[in-house]
N, C-alpha and C. Protein backbone atom coordinates (compact mmCIF):
# COMPACT_ATOMS: atom_id res chain seq x y z
N MET A 1 0.84 -1.17 0.00
CA MET A 1 0.00 0.00 0.00
C MET A 1 0.89 1.24 0.00
N ALA A 2 0.65 2.15 -0.90
CA ALA A 2 1.42 3.38 -1.00
C ALA A 2 0.95 4.38 0.06
N TYR A 3 1.89 5.14 0.59
CA TYR A 3 1.57 6.13 1.61
C TYR A 3 1.04 7.39 0.96
N ASN A 4 -0.09 7.88 1.44
CA ASN A 4 -0.70 9.09 0.92
C ASN A 4 -0.83 10.09 2.07
N PRO A 5 0.13 11.01 2.23
CA PRO A 5 0.08 11.95 3.35
C PRO A 5 -1.06 12.95 3.21
N GLN A 6 -1.78 13.17 4.31
CA GLN A 6 -2.86 14.15 4.34
C GLN A 6 -2.71 14.99 5.60
N VAL A 7 -2.47 16.27 5.43
CA VAL A 7 -2.31 17.19 6.55
C VAL A 7 -3.69 17.62 7.02
N VAL A 8 -3.96 17.45 8.33
CA VAL A 8 -5.25 17.89 8.88
C VAL A 8 -5.12 19.18 9.68
N ASP A 9 -3.92 19.48 10.19
CA ASP A 9 -3.72 20.70 10.95
C ASP A 9 -2.27 21.14 10.79
N ALA A 10 -2.07 22.43 10.68
CA ALA A 10 -0.71 22.98 10.57
C ALA A 10 -0.68 24.35 11.20
N LYS A 11 0.41 24.65 11.90
CA LYS A 11 0.56 25.99 12.47
C LYS A 11 2.02 26.40 12.45
N ILE A 12 2.23 27.69 12.31
CA ILE A 12 3.57 28.25 12.31
C ILE A 12 4.03 28.33 13.76
N VAL A 13 5.18 27.72 14.05
CA VAL A 13 5.68 27.70 15.43
C VAL A 13 6.84 28.66 15.66
N SER A 14 7.57 29.01 14.62
CA SER A 14 8.62 30.02 14.77
C SER A 14 8.83 30.73 13.45
N HIS A 15 9.29 31.97 13.56
CA HIS A 15 9.49 32.79 12.37
C HIS A 15 10.62 33.78 12.65
N ASN A 16 11.58 33.83 11.76
CA ASN A 16 12.68 34.78 11.88
C ASN A 16 12.64 35.69 10.66
N PRO A 17 12.09 36.90 10.79
CA PRO A 17 11.96 37.78 9.62
C PRO A 17 13.28 38.30 9.08
N LYS A 18 14.34 38.26 9.89
CA LYS A 18 15.63 38.77 9.43
C LYS A 18 16.22 37.94 8.31
N ASN A 19 16.14 36.61 8.44
CA ASN A 19 16.72 35.75 7.41
C ASN A 19 15.68 34.97 6.62
N GLY A 20 14.40 35.13 6.92
CA GLY A 20 13.34 34.49 6.14
C GLY A 20 13.07 33.05 6.48
N LEU A 21 13.62 32.55 7.59
CA LEU A 21 13.38 31.16 7.99
C LEU A 21 12.13 31.07 8.86
N PHE A 22 11.37 29.99 8.67
CA PHE A 22 10.24 29.73 9.55
C PHE A 22 9.96 28.24 9.61
N GLU A 23 9.24 27.84 10.67
CA GLU A 23 8.92 26.42 10.88
C GLU A 23 7.41 26.25 10.99
N ILE A 24 6.93 25.15 10.44
CA ILE A 24 5.53 24.77 10.55
C ILE A 24 5.48 23.36 11.13
N VAL A 25 4.62 23.15 12.11
CA VAL A 25 4.36 21.81 12.64
C VAL A 25 3.05 21.35 12.03
N ALA A 26 3.08 20.21 11.35
CA ALA A 26 1.91 19.69 10.65
C ALA A 26 1.50 18.36 11.26
N GLN A 27 0.21 18.22 11.52
CA GLN A 27 -0.32 16.96 12.02
C GLN A 27 -1.03 16.26 10.86
N MET A 28 -0.69 14.98 10.69
CA MET A 28 -1.24 14.21 9.58
C MET A 28 -2.50 13.47 10.01
N LYS A 29 -3.20 12.95 9.04
CA LYS A 29 -4.42 12.20 9.30
C LYS A 29 -4.15 10.93 10.11
N ASP A 30 -2.97 10.34 9.93
CA ASP A 30 -2.61 9.11 10.65
C ASP A 30 -1.93 9.40 12.00
N ARG A 31 -2.08 10.60 12.55
CA ARG A 31 -1.57 11.06 13.84
C ARG A 31 -0.07 11.30 13.86
N THR A 32 0.59 11.21 12.73
CA THR A 32 2.00 11.54 12.65
C THR A 32 2.15 13.05 12.70
N VAL A 33 3.16 13.53 13.41
CA VAL A 33 3.43 14.96 13.50
C VAL A 33 4.79 15.23 12.89
N CYS A 34 4.86 16.22 12.00
CA CYS A 34 6.10 16.56 11.31
C CYS A 34 6.42 18.03 11.49
N ARG A 35 7.71 18.33 11.53
CA ARG A 35 8.16 19.72 11.54
C ARG A 35 8.78 20.01 10.18
N LEU A 36 8.31 21.07 9.54
CA LEU A 36 8.84 21.49 8.24
C LEU A 36 9.59 22.80 8.43
N ILE A 37 10.78 22.88 7.88
CA ILE A 37 11.60 24.09 7.96
C ILE A 37 11.67 24.70 6.57
N TYR A 38 11.37 25.99 6.51
CA TYR A 38 11.32 26.70 5.23
C TYR A 38 12.31 27.84 5.22
N GLU A 39 12.72 28.23 4.01
CA GLU A 39 13.44 29.47 3.80
C GLU A 39 12.78 30.18 2.64
N LYS A 40 12.89 31.49 2.62
CA LYS A 40 12.33 32.25 1.51
C LYS A 40 13.43 32.50 0.50
N ASP A 41 13.11 32.25 -0.77
CA ASP A 41 14.10 32.45 -1.82
C ASP A 41 14.16 33.93 -2.21
N ALA A 42 14.90 34.27 -3.25
CA ALA A 42 15.11 35.67 -3.65
C ALA A 42 13.81 36.35 -4.04
N SER A 43 12.85 35.58 -4.57
CA SER A 43 11.56 36.17 -4.98
C SER A 43 10.56 36.24 -3.83
N GLY A 44 10.93 35.73 -2.65
CA GLY A 44 10.05 35.78 -1.49
C GLY A 44 9.13 34.58 -1.34
N GLN A 45 9.28 33.59 -2.19
CA GLN A 45 8.47 32.38 -2.10
C GLN A 45 9.08 31.40 -1.10
N PRO A 46 8.26 30.78 -0.26
CA PRO A 46 8.81 29.80 0.69
C PRO A 46 9.24 28.52 -0.02
N ARG A 47 10.37 27.97 0.44
CA ARG A 47 10.92 26.74 -0.12
C ARG A 47 11.24 25.81 1.04
N PRO A 48 10.67 24.59 1.06
CA PRO A 48 10.97 23.67 2.16
C PRO A 48 12.42 23.17 2.07
N THR A 49 13.10 23.22 3.20
CA THR A 49 14.49 22.75 3.22
C THR A 49 14.63 21.43 3.96
N HIS A 50 13.88 21.24 5.05
CA HIS A 50 13.98 20.02 5.85
C HIS A 50 12.60 19.60 6.34
N ILE A 51 12.47 18.30 6.59
CA ILE A 51 11.28 17.77 7.24
C ILE A 51 11.75 16.75 8.27
N ASN A 52 11.16 16.84 9.46
CA ASN A 52 11.48 15.91 10.54
C ASN A 52 10.18 15.33 11.09
N ARG A 53 10.18 14.05 11.33
CA ARG A 53 9.03 13.43 11.99
C ARG A 53 9.26 13.51 13.48
N LEU A 54 8.32 14.11 14.19
CA LEU A 54 8.43 14.18 15.64
C LEU A 54 8.06 12.82 16.21
N LEU A 55 8.83 12.35 17.14
CA LEU A 55 8.74 10.96 17.59
C LEU A 55 7.60 10.72 18.58
N LYS A 56 6.37 10.97 18.12
CA LYS A 56 5.20 10.73 18.96
C LYS A 56 4.48 9.44 18.55
N GLU A 57 4.59 9.07 17.31
CA GLU A 57 3.99 7.85 16.76
C GLU A 57 5.05 7.16 15.90
N PRO A 58 4.96 5.85 15.72
CA PRO A 58 5.89 5.17 14.79
C PRO A 58 5.71 5.68 13.36
N CYS A 59 6.75 5.56 12.59
CA CYS A 59 6.69 6.00 11.19
C CYS A 59 5.62 5.20 10.45
N PRO A 60 4.72 5.86 9.73
CA PRO A 60 3.68 5.13 9.01
C PRO A 60 4.19 4.36 7.79
N ILE A 61 5.42 4.62 7.38
CA ILE A 61 5.97 3.97 6.19
C ILE A 61 6.79 2.73 6.58
N CYS A 62 7.78 2.93 7.45
CA CYS A 62 8.67 1.82 7.81
C CYS A 62 8.35 1.23 9.18
N ARG A 63 7.46 1.87 9.93
CA ARG A 63 7.01 1.45 11.26
C ARG A 63 8.11 1.50 12.32
N LYS A 64 9.20 2.21 12.06
CA LYS A 64 10.25 2.37 13.06
C LYS A 64 9.78 3.36 14.12
N ASP A 65 10.22 3.13 15.33
CA ASP A 65 9.86 4.01 16.43
C ASP A 65 11.01 4.94 16.78
N PHE A 66 11.99 5.05 15.88
CA PHE A 66 13.13 5.93 16.11
C PHE A 66 13.39 6.70 14.82
N LEU A 67 14.47 7.42 14.78
CA LEU A 67 14.77 8.31 13.67
C LEU A 67 14.86 7.57 12.33
N CYS A 68 14.12 8.06 11.36
CA CYS A 68 14.20 7.55 9.98
C CYS A 68 14.05 8.74 9.04
N HIS A 69 14.27 8.52 7.77
CA HIS A 69 14.21 9.61 6.80
C HIS A 69 13.13 9.37 5.75
N CYS A 70 12.11 8.63 6.10
CA CYS A 70 11.05 8.28 5.15
C CYS A 70 10.24 9.50 4.70
N MET A 71 10.01 10.44 5.60
CA MET A 71 9.16 11.58 5.28
C MET A 71 9.81 12.53 4.26
N SER A 72 11.12 12.45 4.10
CA SER A 72 11.78 13.33 3.13
C SER A 72 11.33 13.03 1.70
N LYS A 73 10.85 11.81 1.45
CA LYS A 73 10.34 11.47 0.12
C LYS A 73 9.05 12.22 -0.19
N PHE A 74 8.32 12.63 0.85
CA PHE A 74 7.03 13.28 0.69
C PHE A 74 7.08 14.75 1.10
N LYS A 75 8.28 15.32 1.14
CA LYS A 75 8.47 16.69 1.62
C LYS A 75 7.66 17.70 0.82
N GLU A 76 7.66 17.61 -0.49
CA GLU A 76 6.94 18.58 -1.32
C GLU A 76 5.42 18.48 -1.13
N THR A 77 4.90 17.27 -1.07
CA THR A 77 3.47 17.06 -0.90
C THR A 77 3.00 17.58 0.46
N ILE A 78 3.70 17.20 1.51
CA ILE A 78 3.33 17.64 2.85
C ILE A 78 3.49 19.14 2.97
N SER A 79 4.55 19.68 2.38
CA SER A 79 4.81 21.11 2.44
C SER A 79 3.69 21.93 1.79
N SER A 80 3.25 21.52 0.63
CA SER A 80 2.19 22.29 -0.04
C SER A 80 0.89 22.26 0.75
N GLN A 81 0.56 21.10 1.34
CA GLN A 81 -0.66 21.00 2.16
C GLN A 81 -0.53 21.84 3.43
N ALA A 82 0.64 21.82 4.05
CA ALA A 82 0.85 22.57 5.28
C ALA A 82 0.78 24.08 5.02
N LEU A 83 1.33 24.52 3.90
CA LEU A 83 1.26 25.94 3.58
C LEU A 83 -0.18 26.39 3.31
N GLU A 84 -1.00 25.52 2.72
CA GLU A 84 -2.41 25.84 2.52
C GLU A 84 -3.13 26.03 3.85
N LYS A 85 -2.80 25.18 4.84
CA LYS A 85 -3.48 25.24 6.15
C LYS A 85 -2.97 26.40 6.99
N ALA A 86 -1.64 26.60 7.04
CA ALA A 86 -1.07 27.57 7.96
C ALA A 86 -0.79 28.93 7.31
N GLY A 87 -0.60 28.95 6.01
CA GLY A 87 -0.22 30.20 5.35
C GLY A 87 1.26 30.47 5.51
N THR A 88 1.69 31.64 5.05
CA THR A 88 3.08 32.03 5.20
C THR A 88 3.15 33.26 6.09
N PRO A 89 4.19 33.37 6.92
CA PRO A 89 4.32 34.56 7.77
C PRO A 89 4.66 35.78 6.93
N GLN A 90 4.25 36.91 7.38
CA GLN A 90 4.48 38.16 6.64
C GLN A 90 5.80 38.77 6.95
């Protein structure tokens, strides 16, 4: 079965207007929680740089209960959904 990430809630948890970095914590439909780190490019558009799964639930892909990098495969999909829910800081 292929993993289909669905963001149900997202909020901006930190924002640094000096360098354009900000973080969004996104909660998925399967109770997985991820932290997305963004930077703003030269045109001012946010670009996801990192994604981390917060260790509250096992990974829905590999079922590991410790650090894995499975969510990085879905960084763009999760990022676009999280930005729709939380927006971008001004």
